[in-house]
Amino acid sequence: MEMIQDLLNPTADNLPIREEAGPAGGVFVAGAAEVPVTSLEECLHYLELGEQNRRGRGTAGERGPALAVQKRRLTCGWMCC
C-alpha cells in the first residue's frame, strides 16, 4: 500500500485519498496542505520547499514521485500564442 506524505507539512504522514461525489467532485488527498500563492515566485518557492523536504525523507529507493496540484489558475498579464 502506498503512503501519501505531505511535503509542505512533513509531520503529516499516510494521508488518505478520498473521492468526492457529485458534478464538482473529484479525487483529493484529505488533510494535504493548501497554500495560496499570488505570484510565480511564491509558487516556485513552495515547489522548492517540497522538493527539499522530499530529499530529506528516506533513501532514494523509498522515494516515490512528487506531485503538485493546482486548484486555481494563476492569471498573468500577458499571453502567448
PDB file of N, CA and C in Angstrom:
ATOM      1  N   MET A   1       0.835  -1.181   0.000  1.00  0.00           N
ATOM      2  CA  MET A   1       0.000   0.000   0.000  1.00  0.00           C
ATOM      3  C   MET A   1       0.881   1.246   0.000  1.00  0.00           C
ATOM      4  N   GLU A   2       0.507   2.205  -0.828  1.00  0.00           N
ATOM      5  CA  GLU A   2       1.271   3.436  -0.923  1.00  0.00           C
ATOM      6  C   GLU A   2       1.011   4.334   0.279  1.00  0.00           C
ATOM      7  N   MET A   3       2.048   5.057   0.699  1.00  0.00           N
ATOM      8  CA  MET A   3       1.897   6.059   1.754  1.00  0.00           C
ATOM      9  C   MET A   3       1.965   7.428   1.113  1.00  0.00           C
ATOM     10  N   ILE A   4       0.955   8.253   1.388  1.00  0.00           N
ATOM     11  CA  ILE A   4       0.916   9.608   0.860  1.00  0.00           C
ATOM     12  C   ILE A   4       1.424  10.540   1.953  1.00  0.00           C
ATOM     13  N   GLN A   5       2.459  11.304   1.629  1.00  0.00           N
ATOM     14  CA  GLN A   5       3.056  12.235   2.585  1.00  0.00           C
ATOM     15  C   GLN A   5       2.945  13.649   2.047  1.00  0.00           C
ATOM     16  N   ASP A   6       2.643  14.589   2.927  1.00  0.00           N
ATOM     17  CA  ASP A   6       2.535  15.998   2.557  1.00  0.00           C
ATOM     18  C   ASP A   6       3.913  16.624   2.681  1.00  0.00           C
ATOM     19  N   LEU A   7       4.501  17.015   1.555  1.00  0.00           N
ATOM     20  CA  LEU A   7       5.857  17.556   1.576  1.00  0.00           C
ATOM     21  C   LEU A   7       5.909  19.005   2.023  1.00  0.00           C
ATOM     22  N   LEU A   8       4.772  19.672   2.143  1.00  0.00           N
ATOM     23  CA  LEU A   8       4.753  21.020   2.713  1.00  0.00           C
ATOM     24  C   LEU A   8       4.490  20.973   4.210  1.00  0.00           C
ATOM     25  N   ASN A   9       4.056  19.837   4.709  1.00  0.00           N
ATOM     26  CA  ASN A   9       3.839  19.631   6.136  1.00  0.00           C
ATOM     27  C   ASN A   9       4.431  18.269   6.489  1.00  0.00           C
ATOM     28  N   PRO A  10       5.749  18.217   6.759  1.00  0.00           N
ATOM     29  CA  PRO A  10       6.432  16.937   6.956  1.00  0.00           C
ATOM     30  C   PRO A  10       5.888  16.090   8.109  1.00  0.00           C
ATOM     31  N   THR A  11       5.111  16.667   9.016  1.00  0.00           N
ATOM     32  CA  THR A  11       4.560  15.867  10.118  1.00  0.00           C
ATOM     33  C   THR A  11       3.315  15.099   9.698  1.00  0.00           C
ATOM     34  N   ALA A  12       2.764  15.406   8.524  1.00  0.00           N
ATOM     35  CA  ALA A  12       1.555  14.721   8.044  1.00  0.00           C
ATOM     36  C   ALA A  12       1.961  13.512   7.210  1.00  0.00           C
ATOM     37  N   ASP A  13       1.787  12.320   7.769  1.00  0.00           N
ATOM     38  CA  ASP A  13       2.131  11.076   7.093  1.00  0.00           C
ATOM     39  C   ASP A  13       0.889  10.239   6.828  1.00  0.00           C
ATOM     40  N   ASN A  14       0.972   9.426   5.791  1.00  0.00           N
ATOM     41  CA  ASN A  14      -0.059   8.461   5.442  1.00  0.00           C
ATOM     42  C   ASN A  14      -1.443   9.110   5.318  1.00  0.00           C
ATOM     43  N   LEU A  15      -1.518  10.141   4.497  1.00  0.00           N
ATOM     44  CA  LEU A  15      -2.781  10.835   4.275  1.00  0.00           C
ATOM     45  C   LEU A  15      -3.682   9.995   3.376  1.00  0.00           C
ATOM     46  N   PRO A  16      -4.989   9.991   3.647  1.00  0.00           N
ATOM     47  CA  PRO A  16      -5.908   9.171   2.849  1.00  0.00           C
ATOM     48  C   PRO A  16      -6.302   9.846   1.534  1.00  0.00           C
ATOM     49  N   ILE A  17      -6.485   9.032   0.505  1.00  0.00           N
ATOM     50  CA  ILE A  17      -7.013   9.507  -0.767  1.00  0.00           C
ATOM     51  C   ILE A  17      -8.524   9.343  -0.705  1.00  0.00           C
ATOM     52  N   ARG A  18      -9.234  10.406  -1.041  1.00  0.00           N
ATOM     53  CA  ARG A  18     -10.699  10.398  -0.979  1.00  0.00           C
ATOM     54  C   ARG A  18     -11.283  10.773  -2.337  1.00  0.00           C
ATOM     55  N   GLU A  19     -12.537  10.402  -2.522  1.00  0.00           N
ATOM     56  CA  GLU A  19     -13.261  10.803  -3.726  1.00  0.00           C
ATOM     57  C   GLU A  19     -14.551  11.469  -3.304  1.00  0.00           C
ATOM     58  N   GLU A  20     -14.790  12.661  -3.847  1.00  0.00           N
ATOM     59  CA  GLU A  20     -15.997  13.413  -3.541  1.00  0.00           C
ATOM     60  C   GLU A  20     -16.992  13.211  -4.675  1.00  0.00           C
ATOM     61  N   ALA A  21     -18.216  12.851  -4.331  1.00  0.00           N
ATOM     62  CA  ALA A  21     -19.247  12.585  -5.343  1.00  0.00           C
ATOM     63  C   ALA A  21     -19.839  13.888  -5.858  1.00  0.00           C
ATOM     64  N   GLY A  22     -20.548  13.783  -6.944  1.00  0.00           N
ATOM     65  CA  GLY A  22     -21.256  14.930  -7.497  1.00  0.00           C
ATOM     66  C   GLY A  22     -20.521  15.547  -8.671  1.00  0.00           C
ATOM     67  N   PRO A  23     -21.185  16.490  -9.344  1.00  0.00           N
ATOM     68  CA  PRO A  23     -20.595  17.100 -10.544  1.00  0.00           C
ATOM     69  C   PRO A  23     -19.317  17.883 -10.269  1.00  0.00           C
ATOM     70  N   ALA A  24     -19.185  18.468  -9.094  1.00  0.00           N
ATOM     71  CA  ALA A  24     -17.977  19.228  -8.767  1.00  0.00           C
ATOM     72  C   ALA A  24     -16.962  18.376  -8.018  1.00  0.00           C
ATOM     73  N   GLY A  25     -17.252  17.122  -7.799  1.00  0.00           N
ATOM     74  CA  GLY A  25     -16.388  16.238  -7.025  1.00  0.00           C
ATOM     75  C   GLY A  25     -15.147  15.828  -7.782  1.00  0.00           C
ATOM     76  N   GLY A  26     -14.330  15.063  -7.115  1.00  0.00           N
ATOM     77  CA  GLY A  26     -13.105  14.571  -7.716  1.00  0.00           C
ATOM     78  C   GLY A  26     -12.272  13.848  -6.682  1.00  0.00           C
ATOM     79  N   VAL A  27     -11.112  13.416  -7.079  1.00  0.00           N
ATOM     80  CA  VAL A  27     -10.198  12.711  -6.192  1.00  0.00           C
ATOM     81  C   VAL A  27      -9.283  13.735  -5.538  1.00  0.00           C
ATOM     82  N   PHE A  28      -9.046  13.582  -4.226  1.00  0.00           N
ATOM     83  CA  PHE A  28      -8.180  14.504  -3.498  1.00  0.00           C
ATOM     84  C   PHE A  28      -7.500  13.786  -2.350  1.00  0.00           C
ATOM     85  N   VAL A  29      -6.464  14.403  -1.809  1.00  0.00           N
ATOM     86  CA  VAL A  29      -5.758  13.878  -0.646  1.00  0.00           C
ATOM     87  C   VAL A  29      -6.260  14.646   0.566  1.00  0.00           C
ATOM     88  N   ALA A  30      -6.976  13.957   1.448  1.00  0.00           N
ATOM     89  CA  ALA A  30      -7.547  14.593   2.629  1.00  0.00           C
ATOM     90  C   ALA A  30      -6.442  15.021   3.593  1.00  0.00           C
ATOM     91  N   GLY A  31      -6.489  16.258   4.033  1.00  0.00           N
ATOM     92  CA  GLY A  31      -5.527  16.760   5.002  1.00  0.00           C
ATOM     93  C   GLY A  31      -4.265  17.349   4.405  1.00  0.00           C
ATOM     94  N   ALA A  32      -4.166  17.381   3.085  1.00  0.00           N
ATOM     95  CA  ALA A  32      -2.970  17.945   2.440  1.00  0.00           C
ATOM     96  C   ALA A  32      -2.966  19.462   2.594  1.00  0.00           C
ATOM     97  N   ALA A  33      -1.785  20.028   2.730  1.00  0.00           N
ATOM     98  CA  ALA A  33      -1.642  21.480   2.869  1.00  0.00           C
ATOM     99  C   ALA A  33      -2.088  22.178   1.592  1.00  0.00           C
ATOM    100  N   GLU A  34      -2.794  23.281   1.765  1.00  0.00           N
ATOM    101  CA  GLU A  34      -3.177  24.135   0.648  1.00  0.00           C
ATOM    102  C   GLU A  34      -2.587  25.504   0.910  1.00  0.00           C
ATOM    103  N   VAL A  35      -1.756  25.969  -0.006  1.00  0.00           N
ATOM    104  CA  VAL A  35      -1.062  27.239   0.177  1.00  0.00           C
ATOM    105  C   VAL A  35      -1.458  28.187  -0.953  1.00  0.00           C
ATOM    106  N   PRO A  36      -2.139  29.284  -0.623  1.00  0.00           N
ATOM    107  CA  PRO A  36      -2.473  30.243  -1.678  1.00  0.00           C
ATOM    108  C   PRO A  36      -1.226  31.015  -2.114  1.00  0.00           C
ATOM    109  N   VAL A  37      -1.087  31.215  -3.399  1.00  0.00           N
ATOM    110  CA  VAL A  37       0.046  31.988  -3.928  1.00  0.00           C
ATOM    111  C   VAL A  37      -0.495  33.100  -4.814  1.00  0.00           C
ATOM    112  N   THR A  38       0.265  34.181  -4.876  1.00  0.00           N
ATOM    113  CA  THR A  38      -0.154  35.322  -5.684  1.00  0.00           C
ATOM    114  C   THR A  38       0.828  35.619  -6.805  1.00  0.00           C
ATOM    115  N   SER A  39       1.897  34.832  -6.870  1.00  0.00           N
ATOM    116  CA  SER A  39       2.881  35.075  -7.925  1.00  0.00           C
ATOM    117  C   SER A  39       3.590  33.778  -8.289  1.00  0.00           C
ATOM    118  N   LEU A  40       4.223  33.800  -9.434  1.00  0.00           N
ATOM    119  CA  LEU A  40       5.016  32.659  -9.869  1.00  0.00           C
ATOM    120  C   LEU A  40       6.162  32.402  -8.892  1.00  0.00           C
ATOM    121  N   GLU A  41       6.771  33.460  -8.371  1.00  0.00           N
ATOM    122  CA  GLU A  41       7.882  33.310  -7.420  1.00  0.00           C
ATOM    123  C   GLU A  41       7.441  32.572  -6.163  1.00  0.00           C
ATOM    124  N   GLU A  42       6.252  32.905  -5.656  1.00  0.00           N
ATOM    125  CA  GLU A  42       5.735  32.192  -4.480  1.00  0.00           C
ATOM    126  C   GLU A  42       5.498  30.720  -4.806  1.00  0.00           C
ATOM    127  N   CYS A  43       4.939  30.459  -5.960  1.00  0.00           N
ATOM    128  CA  CYS A  43       4.683  29.084  -6.378  1.00  0.00           C
ATOM    129  C   CYS A  43       5.993  28.303  -6.439  1.00  0.00           C
ATOM    130  N   LEU A  44       7.001  28.883  -7.062  1.00  0.00           N
ATOM    131  CA  LEU A  44       8.304  28.222  -7.165  1.00  0.00           C
ATOM    132  C   LEU A  44       8.936  28.011  -5.794  1.00  0.00           C
ATOM    133  N   HIS A  45       8.734  28.957  -4.879  1.00  0.00           N
ATOM    134  CA  HIS A  45       9.255  28.816  -3.508  1.00  0.00           C
ATOM    135  C   HIS A  45       8.679  27.553  -2.854  1.00  0.00           C
ATOM    136  N   TYR A  46       7.360  27.361  -2.961  1.00  0.00           N
ATOM    137  CA  TYR A  46       6.742  26.192  -2.329  1.00  0.00           C
ATOM    138  C   TYR A  46       7.103  24.890  -3.031  1.00  0.00           C
ATOM    139  N   LEU A  47       7.274  24.927  -4.338  1.00  0.00           N
ATOM    140  CA  LEU A  47       7.739  23.737  -5.043  1.00  0.00           C
ATOM    141  C   LEU A  47       9.140  23.348  -4.583  1.00  0.00           C
ATOM    142  N   GLU A  48      10.019  24.335  -4.398  1.00  0.00           N
ATOM    143  CA  GLU A  48      11.381  24.059  -3.914  1.00  0.00           C
ATOM    144  C   GLU A  48      11.350  23.550  -2.475  1.00  0.00           C
ATOM    145  N   LEU A  49      10.510  24.142  -1.634  1.00  0.00           N
ATOM    146  CA  LEU A  49      10.381  23.680  -0.249  1.00  0.00           C
ATOM    147  C   LEU A  49       9.935  22.223  -0.208  1.00  0.00           C
ATOM    148  N   GLY A  50       8.954  21.865  -1.031  1.00  0.00           N
ATOM    149  CA  GLY A  50       8.501  20.476  -1.097  1.00  0.00           C
ATOM    150  C   GLY A  50       9.605  19.545  -1.563  1.00  0.00           C
ATOM    151  N   GLU A  51      10.383  19.978  -2.545  1.00  0.00           N
ATOM    152  CA  GLU A  51      11.496  19.152  -3.040  1.00  0.00           C
ATOM    153  C   GLU A  51      12.561  18.972  -1.968  1.00  0.00           C
ATOM    154  N   GLN A  52      12.858  20.021  -1.204  1.00  0.00           N
ATOM    155  CA  GLN A  52      13.825  19.900  -0.104  1.00  0.00           C
ATOM    156  C   GLN A  52      13.333  18.901   0.935  1.00  0.00           C
ATOM    157  N   ASN A  53      12.063  18.976   1.283  1.00  0.00           N
ATOM    158  CA  ASN A  53      11.501  18.034   2.255  1.00  0.00           C
ATOM    159  C   ASN A  53      11.485  16.615   1.693  1.00  0.00           C
ATOM    160  N   ARG A  54      11.273  16.484   0.405  1.00  0.00           N
ATOM    161  CA  ARG A  54      11.289  15.165  -0.236  1.00  0.00           C
ATOM    162  C   ARG A  54      12.677  14.543  -0.174  1.00  0.00           C
ATOM    163  N   ARG A  55      13.694  15.348  -0.449  1.00  0.00           N
ATOM    164  CA  ARG A  55      15.070  14.840  -0.404  1.00  0.00           C
ATOM    165  C   ARG A  55      15.477  14.436   1.003  1.00  0.00           C
ATOM    166  N   GLY A  56      14.863  15.034   2.009  1.00  0.00           N
ATOM    167  CA  GLY A  56      15.205  14.734   3.396  1.00  0.00           C
ATOM    168  C   GLY A  56      14.547  13.497   3.960  1.00  0.00           C
ATOM    169  N   ARG A  57      13.723  12.823   3.163  1.00  0.00           N
ATOM    170  CA  ARG A  57      12.994  11.636   3.655  1.00  0.00           C
ATOM    171  C   ARG A  57      13.552  10.361   3.039  1.00  0.00           C
ATOM    172  N   GLY A  58      13.971   9.442   3.861  1.00  0.00           N
ATOM    173  CA  GLY A  58      14.336   8.099   3.416  1.00  0.00           C
ATOM    174  C   GLY A  58      15.475   8.032   2.424  1.00  0.00           C
ATOM    175  N   THR A  59      15.629   6.853   1.856  1.00  0.00           N
ATOM    176  CA  THR A  59      16.664   6.624   0.858  1.00  0.00           C
ATOM    177  C   THR A  59      16.079   6.836  -0.528  1.00  0.00           C
ATOM    178  N   ALA A  60      16.924   6.907  -1.516  1.00  0.00           N
ATOM    179  CA  ALA A  60      16.463   7.146  -2.890  1.00  0.00           C
ATOM    180  C   ALA A  60      15.480   6.079  -3.343  1.00  0.00           C
ATOM    181  N   GLY A  61      15.658   4.835  -2.900  1.00  0.00           N
ATOM    182  CA  GLY A  61      14.765   3.756  -3.298  1.00  0.00           C
ATOM    183  C   GLY A  61      13.383   3.850  -2.674  1.00  0.00           C
ATOM    184  N   GLU A  62      13.275   4.557  -1.551  1.00  0.00           N
ATOM    185  CA  GLU A  62      11.998   4.686  -0.870  1.00  0.00           C
ATOM    186  C   GLU A  62      11.189   5.886  -1.355  1.00  0.00           C
ATOM    187  N   ARG A  63      11.816   6.790  -2.070  1.00  0.00           N
ATOM    188  CA  ARG A  63      11.121   7.999  -2.500  1.00  0.00           C
ATOM    189  C   ARG A  63      10.317   7.737  -3.752  1.00  0.00           C
ATOM    190  N   GLY A  64       9.069   8.099  -3.705  1.00  0.00           N
ATOM    191  CA  GLY A  64       8.208   7.978  -4.878  1.00  0.00           C
ATOM    192  C   GLY A  64       8.128   9.307  -5.600  1.00  0.00           C
ATOM    193  N   PRO A  65       7.266   9.374  -6.580  1.00  0.00           N
ATOM    194  CA  PRO A  65       7.115  10.613  -7.335  1.00  0.00           C
ATOM    195  C   PRO A  65       6.466  11.711  -6.492  1.00  0.00           C
ATOM    196  N   ALA A  66       6.801  12.934  -6.792  1.00  0.00           N
ATOM    197  CA  ALA A  66       6.200  14.084  -6.128  1.00  0.00           C
ATOM    198  C   ALA A  66       5.130  14.661  -7.042  1.00  0.00           C
ATOM    199  N   LEU A  67       4.112  15.239  -6.448  1.00  0.00           N
ATOM    200  CA  LEU A  67       3.006  15.783  -7.213  1.00  0.00           C
ATOM    201  C   LEU A  67       2.592  17.113  -6.606  1.00  0.00           C
ATOM    202  N   ALA A  68       2.484  18.123  -7.430  1.00  0.00           N
ATOM    203  CA  ALA A  68       1.943  19.413  -7.004  1.00  0.00           C
ATOM    204  C   ALA A  68       0.613  19.598  -7.717  1.00  0.00           C
ATOM    205  N   VAL A  69      -0.387  20.003  -6.967  1.00  0.00           N
ATOM    206  CA  VAL A  69      -1.718  20.157  -7.537  1.00  0.00           C
ATOM    207  C   VAL A  69      -2.083  21.629  -7.583  1.00  0.00           C
ATOM    208  N   GLN A  70      -2.563  22.059  -8.718  1.00  0.00           N
ATOM    209  CA  GLN A  70      -3.007  23.441  -8.898  1.00  0.00           C
ATOM    210  C   GLN A  70      -4.525  23.440  -8.919  1.00  0.00           C
ATOM    211  N   LYS A  71      -5.132  24.075  -7.918  1.00  0.00           N
ATOM    212  CA  LYS A  71      -6.591  24.113  -7.862  1.00  0.00           C
ATOM    213  C   LYS A  71      -7.155  25.277  -8.662  1.00  0.00           C
ATOM    214  N   ARG A  72      -6.463  26.390  -8.667  1.00  0.00           N
ATOM    215  CA  ARG A  72      -6.926  27.559  -9.402  1.00  0.00           C
ATOM    216  C   ARG A  72      -5.810  28.055 -10.284  1.00  0.00           C
ATOM    217  N   ARG A  73      -6.172  28.538 -11.413  1.00  0.00           N
ATOM    218  CA  ARG A  73      -5.180  29.017 -12.368  1.00  0.00           C
ATOM    219  C   ARG A  73      -4.694  30.414 -11.993  1.00  0.00           C
ATOM    220  N   LEU A  74      -3.382  30.592 -11.977  1.00  0.00           N
ATOM    221  CA  LEU A  74      -2.784  31.906 -11.737  1.00  0.00           C
ATOM    222  C   LEU A  74      -2.848  32.669 -13.049  1.00  0.00           C
ATOM    223  N   THR A  75      -3.461  33.810 -13.038  1.00  0.00           N
ATOM    224  CA  THR A  75      -3.626  34.598 -14.254  1.00  0.00           C
ATOM    225  C   THR A  75      -2.505  35.612 -14.373  1.00  0.00           C
ATOM    226  N   CYS A  76      -1.873  35.624 -15.517  1.00  0.00           N
ATOM    227  CA  CYS A  76      -0.778  36.553 -15.774  1.00  0.00           C
ATOM    228  C   CYS A  76      -1.270  37.670 -16.676  1.00  0.00           C
ATOM    229  N   GLY A  77      -0.506  38.749 -16.714  1.00  0.00           N
ATOM    230  CA  GLY A  77      -0.874  39.900 -17.521  1.00  0.00           C
ATOM    231  C   GLY A  77      -0.410  39.821 -18.957  1.00  0.00           C
ATOM    232  N   TRP A  78      -0.011  38.664 -19.429  1.00  0.00           N
ATOM    233  CA  TRP A  78       0.441  38.516 -20.815  1.00  0.00           C
ATOM    234  C   TRP A  78      -0.033  37.203 -21.366  1.00  0.00           C
ATOM    235  N   MET A  79      -0.029  37.090 -22.656  1.00  0.00           N
ATOM    236  CA  MET A  79      -0.450  35.855 -23.320  1.00  0.00           C
ATOM    237  C   MET A  79       0.565  35.481 -24.360  1.00  0.00           C
ATOM    238  N   CYS A  80       0.644  34.225 -24.656  1.00  0.00           N
ATOM    239  CA  CYS A  80       1.495  33.788 -25.759  1.00  0.00           C
ATOM    240  C   CYS A  80       0.666  32.912 -26.675  1.00  0.00           C
ATOM    241  N   CYS A  81       1.069  32.840 -27.917  1.00  0.00           N
ATOM    242  CA  CYS A  81       0.290  32.089 -28.908  1.00  0.00           C
ATOM    243  C   CYS A  81       0.917  30.750 -29.191  1.00  0.00           C
TER     244      CYS A  81
END
